Every structure is written in structure tokens, then in C-alpha cells.
Amino acid sequence: MINAVGPTGIPRAIELRGESVGKSEPVAKVDSTTSEASGAITTPAAELAAQGAPIDSAKVAEIRAAIANGTYKIDAKAIAERMIALDLPKA
């Protein structure tokens, strides 16, 4: 469909029908918890995000040491199988 020259969309369609475009009602304010110090909104999701991802520091140190020693082994077949499994739709 080819758009006409000039204003388009719902307001223009209402105007063409001869109706008036009214103002919308104000939206109700959402009650949220704010932090006293920063004034930031805190939600359970925001709190979890602020904590960061759980990290196994011992495992990270073990992998770093193996890479530094040249003993870290990469199983390309296992990685490929896992990537394929993650990409396939669940039946």
C-alpha cells in the first residue's frame, strides 16, 4: 500500500472521519520502593542484577592455571554438540 502525502496514521484517519482527537487520561502512578541514599528504584530483579552473577573463583583460578601451564584441553566435539543442542527447538 502506498502512503499518501502528508500526515498519516490514526490521528489523520480520525480527522478524515470528522471526529475530534481528544486528550488521553493521565496514567496512575506506580508505587515503587526507592533507595533513600540514591533515590533509585529497587526491585528484586535490580537487586539480583546488582549482586552480579555467581562466580566460582576456585574454578576460574583452576582454569587460568591450566591455560598458563598449557594443560587446558578443549573438547571441540562436546562444545559443538552443546551449541547444537542449545540451538535446536524443543519438541
Protein backbone atom coordinates (compact mmCIF):
# COMPACT_ATOMS: atom_id res chain seq x y z
CA MET A 1 0.00 0.00 0.00
CA ILE A 2 1.32 3.44 -0.86
CA ASN A 3 1.15 6.11 1.82
CA ALA A 4 -0.49 9.39 0.93
CA VAL A 5 1.44 12.63 1.01
CA GLY A 6 1.07 14.46 4.32
CA PRO A 7 0.13 13.33 7.81
CA THR A 8 -0.87 9.70 8.19
CA GLY A 9 -1.73 7.30 10.95
CA ILE A 10 -4.56 7.12 13.46
CA PRO A 11 -4.85 10.88 14.17
CA ARG A 12 -5.11 11.58 10.44
CA ALA A 13 -7.69 8.81 9.97
CA ILE A 14 -9.82 10.22 12.80
CA GLU A 15 -9.53 13.69 11.28
CA LEU A 16 -10.69 12.37 7.91
CA ARG A 17 -13.72 10.74 9.54
CA GLY A 18 -14.67 14.09 11.06
CA GLU A 19 -14.10 13.08 14.67
CA SER A 20 -12.03 15.09 17.11
CA VAL A 21 -8.87 13.80 18.70
CA GLY A 22 -9.21 14.03 22.49
CA LYS A 23 -6.52 14.10 25.11
CA SER A 24 -5.75 10.92 26.98
CA GLU A 25 -6.31 10.44 30.69
CA PRO A 26 -3.25 10.67 32.97
CA VAL A 27 -1.71 7.34 33.91
CA ALA A 28 -1.88 6.25 37.55
CA LYS A 29 1.42 6.49 39.41
CA VAL A 30 3.05 3.15 40.18
CA ASP A 31 4.04 2.55 43.79
CA SER A 32 7.70 1.54 43.94
CA THR A 33 10.37 1.31 46.58
CA THR A 34 13.18 3.82 46.35
CA SER A 35 16.57 3.83 47.97
CA GLU A 36 16.99 6.67 50.48
CA ALA A 37 20.59 7.46 49.51
CA SER A 38 20.42 7.38 45.72
CA GLY A 39 16.71 7.76 45.01
CA ALA A 40 16.95 4.81 42.61
CA ILE A 41 14.06 2.40 42.21
CA THR A 42 14.82 -1.01 43.71
CA THR A 43 13.10 -4.16 42.60
CA PRO A 44 14.01 -7.80 43.24
CA ALA A 45 15.40 -8.02 39.70
CA ALA A 46 17.50 -4.89 40.18
CA GLU A 47 18.85 -6.22 43.48
CA LEU A 48 19.84 -9.54 41.86
CA ALA A 49 21.49 -7.70 38.97
CA ALA A 50 23.45 -5.52 41.40
CA GLN A 51 24.79 -8.63 43.14
CA GLY A 52 26.24 -9.88 39.86
CA ALA A 53 26.47 -13.38 38.50
CA PRO A 54 27.61 -16.14 40.84
CA ILE A 55 31.27 -16.89 40.14
CA ASP A 56 33.16 -19.98 41.27
CA SER A 57 36.50 -18.30 42.00
CA ALA A 58 38.25 -21.62 42.63
CA LYS A 59 37.14 -22.97 39.22
CA VAL A 60 38.27 -19.75 37.50
CA ALA A 61 41.69 -19.98 39.17
CA GLU A 62 41.97 -23.66 38.16
CA ILE A 63 41.17 -22.87 34.50
CA ARG A 64 43.58 -19.90 34.44
CA ALA A 65 46.37 -22.08 35.84
CA ALA A 66 45.67 -24.81 33.27
CA ILE A 67 45.78 -22.26 30.43
CA ALA A 68 49.02 -20.76 31.77
CA ASN A 69 50.58 -24.24 32.05
CA GLY A 70 49.37 -25.25 28.60
CA THR A 71 47.41 -28.17 30.02
CA TYR A 72 43.90 -26.84 29.39
CA LYS A 73 42.16 -29.19 26.98
CA ILE A 74 39.37 -28.08 24.68
CA ASP A 75 36.85 -30.72 23.59
CA ALA A 76 35.62 -29.23 20.30
CA LYS A 77 33.13 -32.07 19.75
CA ALA A 78 31.49 -31.52 23.17
CA ILE A 79 31.32 -27.76 22.55
CA ALA A 80 29.74 -28.29 19.11
CA GLU A 81 27.20 -30.78 20.48
CA ARG A 82 26.21 -28.36 23.25
CA MET A 83 25.87 -25.45 20.80
CA ILE A 84 23.65 -27.56 18.53
CA ALA A 85 21.55 -28.72 21.50
CA LEU A 86 21.02 -25.13 22.61
CA ASP A 87 20.05 -24.01 19.10
CA LEU A 88 17.57 -26.80 18.30
CA PRO A 89 13.92 -26.17 19.10
CA LYS A 90 12.49 -28.24 21.92
CA ALA A 91 10.00 -30.83 20.72
